[in-house]
Amino acid sequence: MRRVNLFSAALEDSSGRPDGWRFAFARLAPELGASLIGASIYELPPGQSSFPYHYEYGCEGWLLVVPGRPTLRDPEGEHELEPGDVVAFPEGPAGAHAVTNKTDEPVRIVIFSTKGFPAVAVYPDSDKIGVWTGNADDDVMVRRESDVEYWDRET
């Protein structure tokens, strides 16, 4: 049996991320031998966020708070969560979310997801769309204003 303990799992540093977006993390699926459901532990130091406010297509996510009291931003506003809370993020705009640690103590969360490829994330605050295909050469992050017509550059 493979297992990972959410409280004591070894975490990797996410060095290279700008201040405000730093965390330590562990990807659980490879450790557990899972292939259909993904999960990652994120530990957010005080004042840091996991990812910019976004929603996804091709993915449903769940957030589980382990220790700490993160602030969740969703389409209804901001909510302080507490240990043991579970929140679901459906596909599309109704599932928009961002997680920030506004406390003085580290926060540890687990995000479970059905994420696969292709995947699309929309970032409303910065008006970007990201597409991940599973092939890094074909992945792209674009601003919505770069939209082109279907037949653009076709001969």
C-alpha atoms as a PDB file:
ATOM      1  CA  MET A   1       0.000   0.000   0.000  1.00  0.00           C
ATOM      2  CA  ARG A   2       1.284   3.450  -0.918  1.00  0.00           C
ATOM      3  CA  ARG A   3       0.388   6.366   1.297  1.00  0.00           C
ATOM      4  CA  VAL A   4       1.187  10.007   1.930  1.00  0.00           C
ATOM      5  CA  ASN A   5       0.564  11.836   5.186  1.00  0.00           C
ATOM      6  CA  LEU A   6      -0.938  15.290   4.586  1.00  0.00           C
ATOM      7  CA  PHE A   7       0.639  16.682   7.759  1.00  0.00           C
ATOM      8  CA  SER A   8       4.205  15.390   7.364  1.00  0.00           C
ATOM      9  CA  ALA A   9       4.753  14.914   3.606  1.00  0.00           C
ATOM     10  CA  ALA A  10       8.071  16.249   2.322  1.00  0.00           C
ATOM     11  CA  LEU A  11       7.461  19.395   0.266  1.00  0.00           C
ATOM     12  CA  GLU A  12       9.443  20.934  -2.595  1.00  0.00           C
ATOM     13  CA  ASP A  13      10.139  24.667  -2.761  1.00  0.00           C
ATOM     14  CA  SER A  14       8.609  26.514  -5.698  1.00  0.00           C
ATOM     15  CA  SER A  15      11.640  28.751  -6.139  1.00  0.00           C
ATOM     16  CA  GLY A  16      11.572  31.155  -9.013  1.00  0.00           C
ATOM     17  CA  ARG A  17       8.020  32.327  -8.380  1.00  0.00           C
ATOM     18  CA  PRO A  18       7.575  36.044  -7.652  1.00  0.00           C
ATOM     19  CA  ASP A  19       6.902  37.262  -4.125  1.00  0.00           C
ATOM     20  CA  GLY A  20       3.219  36.936  -3.308  1.00  0.00           C
ATOM     21  CA  TRP A  21       2.998  33.613  -5.175  1.00  0.00           C
ATOM     22  CA  ARG A  22       5.420  31.395  -3.247  1.00  0.00           C
ATOM     23  CA  PHE A  23       4.608  28.048  -1.697  1.00  0.00           C
ATOM     24  CA  ALA A  24       6.019  24.610  -0.994  1.00  0.00           C
ATOM     25  CA  PHE A  25       4.264  21.683  -2.625  1.00  0.00           C
ATOM     26  CA  ALA A  26       4.062  17.938  -3.199  1.00  0.00           C
ATOM     27  CA  ARG A  27       2.306  16.149  -6.067  1.00  0.00           C
ATOM     28  CA  LEU A  28       0.495  13.145  -4.597  1.00  0.00           C
ATOM     29  CA  ALA A  29      -0.598  11.129  -7.646  1.00  0.00           C
ATOM     30  CA  PRO A  30       2.928   9.947  -8.561  1.00  0.00           C
ATOM     31  CA  GLU A  31       3.594   8.987  -4.930  1.00  0.00           C
ATOM     32  CA  LEU A  32       0.345   7.031  -4.731  1.00  0.00           C
ATOM     33  CA  GLY A  33       0.503   5.475  -8.197  1.00  0.00           C
ATOM     34  CA  ALA A  34      -2.744   7.246  -9.186  1.00  0.00           C
ATOM     35  CA  SER A  35      -3.589   8.162 -12.765  1.00  0.00           C
ATOM     36  CA  LEU A  36      -7.212   9.407 -12.914  1.00  0.00           C
ATOM     37  CA  ILE A  37      -7.350  11.853  -9.994  1.00  0.00           C
ATOM     38  CA  GLY A  38      -4.617  14.323  -9.125  1.00  0.00           C
ATOM     39  CA  ALA A  39      -3.859  16.004  -5.835  1.00  0.00           C
ATOM     40  CA  SER A  40      -1.232  18.394  -4.566  1.00  0.00           C
ATOM     41  CA  ILE A  41      -0.365  19.673  -1.127  1.00  0.00           C
ATOM     42  CA  TYR A  42       0.414  23.389  -1.001  1.00  0.00           C
ATOM     43  CA  GLU A  43       1.891  25.110   2.035  1.00  0.00           C
ATOM     44  CA  LEU A  44       1.496  28.883   1.829  1.00  0.00           C
ATOM     45  CA  PRO A  45       3.671  31.101   4.023  1.00  0.00           C
ATOM     46  CA  PRO A  46       2.037  34.243   5.457  1.00  0.00           C
ATOM     47  CA  GLY A  47       1.180  36.781   2.751  1.00  0.00           C
ATOM     48  CA  GLN A  48       1.468  34.330  -0.148  1.00  0.00           C
ATOM     49  CA  SER A  49      -1.105  33.005  -2.640  1.00  0.00           C
ATOM     50  CA  SER A  50      -1.178  29.773  -4.580  1.00  0.00           C
ATOM     51  CA  PHE A  51      -2.235  30.928  -8.054  1.00  0.00           C
ATOM     52  CA  PRO A  52      -3.947  33.973  -9.570  1.00  0.00           C
ATOM     53  CA  TYR A  53      -7.747  34.061  -9.555  1.00  0.00           C
ATOM     54  CA  HIS A  54      -8.870  31.631 -12.267  1.00  0.00           C
ATOM     55  CA  TYR A  55     -11.373  29.066 -13.447  1.00  0.00           C
ATOM     56  CA  GLU A  56     -10.867  26.000 -15.571  1.00  0.00           C
ATOM     57  CA  TYR A  57     -12.439  23.918 -18.305  1.00  0.00           C
ATOM     58  CA  GLY A  58     -11.746  20.198 -18.415  1.00  0.00           C
ATOM     59  CA  CYS A  59     -11.224  20.063 -14.657  1.00  0.00           C
ATOM     60  CA  GLU A  60     -13.212  19.946 -11.451  1.00  0.00           C
ATOM     61  CA  GLY A  61     -11.288  20.700  -8.279  1.00  0.00           C
ATOM     62  CA  TRP A  62     -11.744  20.289  -4.552  1.00  0.00           C
ATOM     63  CA  LEU A  63      -9.854  22.138  -1.814  1.00  0.00           C
ATOM     64  CA  LEU A  64      -9.289  20.590   1.622  1.00  0.00           C
ATOM     65  CA  VAL A  65      -7.867  22.755   4.412  1.00  0.00           C
ATOM     66  CA  VAL A  66      -5.410  20.856   6.602  1.00  0.00           C
ATOM     67  CA  PRO A  67      -3.917  23.285   9.189  1.00  0.00           C
ATOM     68  CA  GLY A  68      -4.414  27.025   8.970  1.00  0.00           C
ATOM     69  CA  ARG A  69      -7.085  29.502   7.915  1.00  0.00           C
ATOM     70  CA  PRO A  70      -6.692  30.428   4.246  1.00  0.00           C
ATOM     71  CA  THR A  71      -8.800  33.070   2.540  1.00  0.00           C
ATOM     72  CA  LEU A  72     -10.688  31.802  -0.480  1.00  0.00           C
ATOM     73  CA  ARG A  73     -11.785  34.260  -3.137  1.00  0.00           C
ATOM     74  CA  ASP A  74     -14.637  32.995  -5.306  1.00  0.00           C
ATOM     75  CA  PRO A  75     -17.371  34.663  -7.412  1.00  0.00           C
ATOM     76  CA  GLU A  76     -19.305  35.460  -4.205  1.00  0.00           C
ATOM     77  CA  GLY A  77     -16.395  37.278  -2.510  1.00  0.00           C
ATOM     78  CA  GLU A  78     -13.800  36.332   0.117  1.00  0.00           C
ATOM     79  CA  HIS A  79     -14.282  33.669   2.786  1.00  0.00           C
ATOM     80  CA  GLU A  80     -11.960  32.598   5.604  1.00  0.00           C
ATOM     81  CA  LEU A  81     -11.786  28.814   5.675  1.00  0.00           C
ATOM     82  CA  GLU A  82     -10.825  26.679   8.657  1.00  0.00           C
ATOM     83  CA  PRO A  83      -9.147  23.295   9.160  1.00  0.00           C
ATOM     84  CA  GLY A  84     -11.311  20.487   7.818  1.00  0.00           C
ATOM     85  CA  ASP A  85     -13.272  22.649   5.348  1.00  0.00           C
ATOM     86  CA  VAL A  86     -13.777  21.201   1.868  1.00  0.00           C
ATOM     87  CA  VAL A  87     -14.818  23.352  -1.104  1.00  0.00           C
ATOM     88  CA  ALA A  88     -15.534  22.277  -4.698  1.00  0.00           C
ATOM     89  CA  PHE A  89     -14.707  24.258  -7.835  1.00  0.00           C
ATOM     90  CA  PRO A  90     -16.913  23.275 -10.774  1.00  0.00           C
ATOM     91  CA  GLU A  91     -15.824  23.862 -14.350  1.00  0.00           C
ATOM     92  CA  GLY A  92     -16.329  27.336 -15.767  1.00  0.00           C
ATOM     93  CA  PRO A  93     -16.828  30.796 -14.238  1.00  0.00           C
ATOM     94  CA  ALA A  94     -18.837  29.476 -11.259  1.00  0.00           C
ATOM     95  CA  GLY A  95     -15.682  27.658 -10.115  1.00  0.00           C
ATOM     96  CA  ALA A  96     -13.370  30.701 -10.165  1.00  0.00           C
ATOM     97  CA  HIS A  97     -11.052  30.760  -7.170  1.00  0.00           C
ATOM     98  CA  ALA A  98      -7.831  31.964  -5.574  1.00  0.00           C
ATOM     99  CA  VAL A  99      -6.338  31.008  -2.208  1.00  0.00           C
ATOM    100  CA  THR A 100      -4.294  33.420  -0.075  1.00  0.00           C
ATOM    101  CA  ASN A 101      -2.754  33.147   3.371  1.00  0.00           C
ATOM    102  CA  LYS A 102      -3.684  36.381   5.173  1.00  0.00           C
ATOM    103  CA  THR A 103      -2.644  35.038   8.591  1.00  0.00           C
ATOM    104  CA  ASP A 104       0.668  35.036  10.462  1.00  0.00           C
ATOM    105  CA  GLU A 105       1.008  31.221  10.371  1.00  0.00           C
ATOM    106  CA  PRO A 106       1.638  28.819   7.471  1.00  0.00           C
ATOM    107  CA  VAL A 107      -1.447  27.366   5.778  1.00  0.00           C
ATOM    108  CA  ARG A 108      -1.527  23.871   4.269  1.00  0.00           C
ATOM    109  CA  ILE A 109      -4.176  22.916   1.733  1.00  0.00           C
ATOM    110  CA  VAL A 110      -4.726  19.973  -0.585  1.00  0.00           C
ATOM    111  CA  ILE A 111      -6.207  20.480  -4.043  1.00  0.00           C
ATOM    112  CA  PHE A 112      -7.742  17.393  -5.651  1.00  0.00           C
ATOM    113  CA  SER A 113      -8.671  17.519  -9.321  1.00  0.00           C
ATOM    114  CA  THR A 114      -9.809  15.586 -12.340  1.00  0.00           C
ATOM    115  CA  LYS A 115      -7.301  17.571 -14.372  1.00  0.00           C
ATOM    116  CA  GLY A 116      -6.178  15.997 -17.599  1.00  0.00           C
ATOM    117  CA  PHE A 117      -5.144  17.144 -21.033  1.00  0.00           C
ATOM    118  CA  PRO A 118      -6.130  19.237 -22.775  1.00  0.00           C
ATOM    119  CA  ALA A 119      -6.820  21.767 -20.020  1.00  0.00           C
ATOM    120  CA  VAL A 120      -7.841  25.412 -20.211  1.00  0.00           C
ATOM    121  CA  ALA A 121      -7.624  28.051 -17.473  1.00  0.00           C
ATOM    122  CA  VAL A 122      -9.103  31.545 -17.680  1.00  0.00           C
ATOM    123  CA  TYR A 123      -7.620  34.372 -15.579  1.00  0.00           C
ATOM    124  CA  PRO A 124     -10.313  37.109 -15.407  1.00  0.00           C
ATOM    125  CA  ASP A 125      -8.210  39.677 -13.497  1.00  0.00           C
ATOM    126  CA  SER A 126      -5.443  39.730 -16.119  1.00  0.00           C
ATOM    127  CA  ASP A 127      -7.669  38.728 -19.071  1.00  0.00           C
ATOM    128  CA  LYS A 128      -5.483  35.752 -20.007  1.00  0.00           C
ATOM    129  CA  ILE A 129      -6.267  32.226 -21.160  1.00  0.00           C
ATOM    130  CA  GLY A 130      -3.856  29.317 -20.751  1.00  0.00           C
ATOM    131  CA  VAL A 131      -4.048  26.090 -22.732  1.00  0.00           C
ATOM    132  CA  TRP A 132      -2.100  22.988 -21.683  1.00  0.00           C
ATOM    133  CA  THR A 133      -2.010  20.074 -24.090  1.00  0.00           C
ATOM    134  CA  GLY A 134       0.404  17.647 -22.464  1.00  0.00           C
ATOM    135  CA  ASN A 135       3.009  18.689 -25.070  1.00  0.00           C
ATOM    136  CA  ALA A 136       4.973  21.726 -23.848  1.00  0.00           C
ATOM    137  CA  ASP A 137       5.633  22.856 -27.440  1.00  0.00           C
ATOM    138  CA  ASP A 138       1.899  23.348 -27.962  1.00  0.00           C
ATOM    139  CA  ASP A 139       1.055  24.966 -24.591  1.00  0.00           C
ATOM    140  CA  VAL A 140       0.183  28.654 -24.722  1.00  0.00           C
ATOM    141  CA  MET A 141      -0.754  31.592 -22.476  1.00  0.00           C
ATOM    142  CA  VAL A 142      -2.449  34.428 -24.366  1.00  0.00           C
ATOM    143  CA  ARG A 143      -4.379  37.594 -23.695  1.00  0.00           C
ATOM    144  CA  ARG A 144      -7.960  37.525 -24.906  1.00  0.00           C
ATOM    145  CA  GLU A 145      -7.357  40.576 -27.108  1.00  0.00           C
ATOM    146  CA  SER A 146      -4.967  38.478 -29.215  1.00  0.00           C
ATOM    147  CA  ASP A 147      -8.016  36.633 -30.572  1.00  0.00           C
ATOM    148  CA  VAL A 148      -7.735  35.984 -34.310  1.00  0.00           C
ATOM    149  CA  GLU A 149     -10.228  34.840 -36.904  1.00  0.00           C
ATOM    150  CA  TYR A 150     -10.370  31.115 -37.651  1.00  0.00           C
ATOM    151  CA  TRP A 151      -8.915  31.528 -41.174  1.00  0.00           C
ATOM    152  CA  ASP A 152      -6.126  33.928 -40.130  1.00  0.00           C
ATOM    153  CA  ARG A 153      -2.820  32.982 -41.925  1.00  0.00           C
ATOM    154  CA  GLU A 154      -4.398  30.025 -43.723  1.00  0.00           C
ATOM    155  CA  THR A 155      -3.634  29.748 -47.438  1.00  0.00           C
END
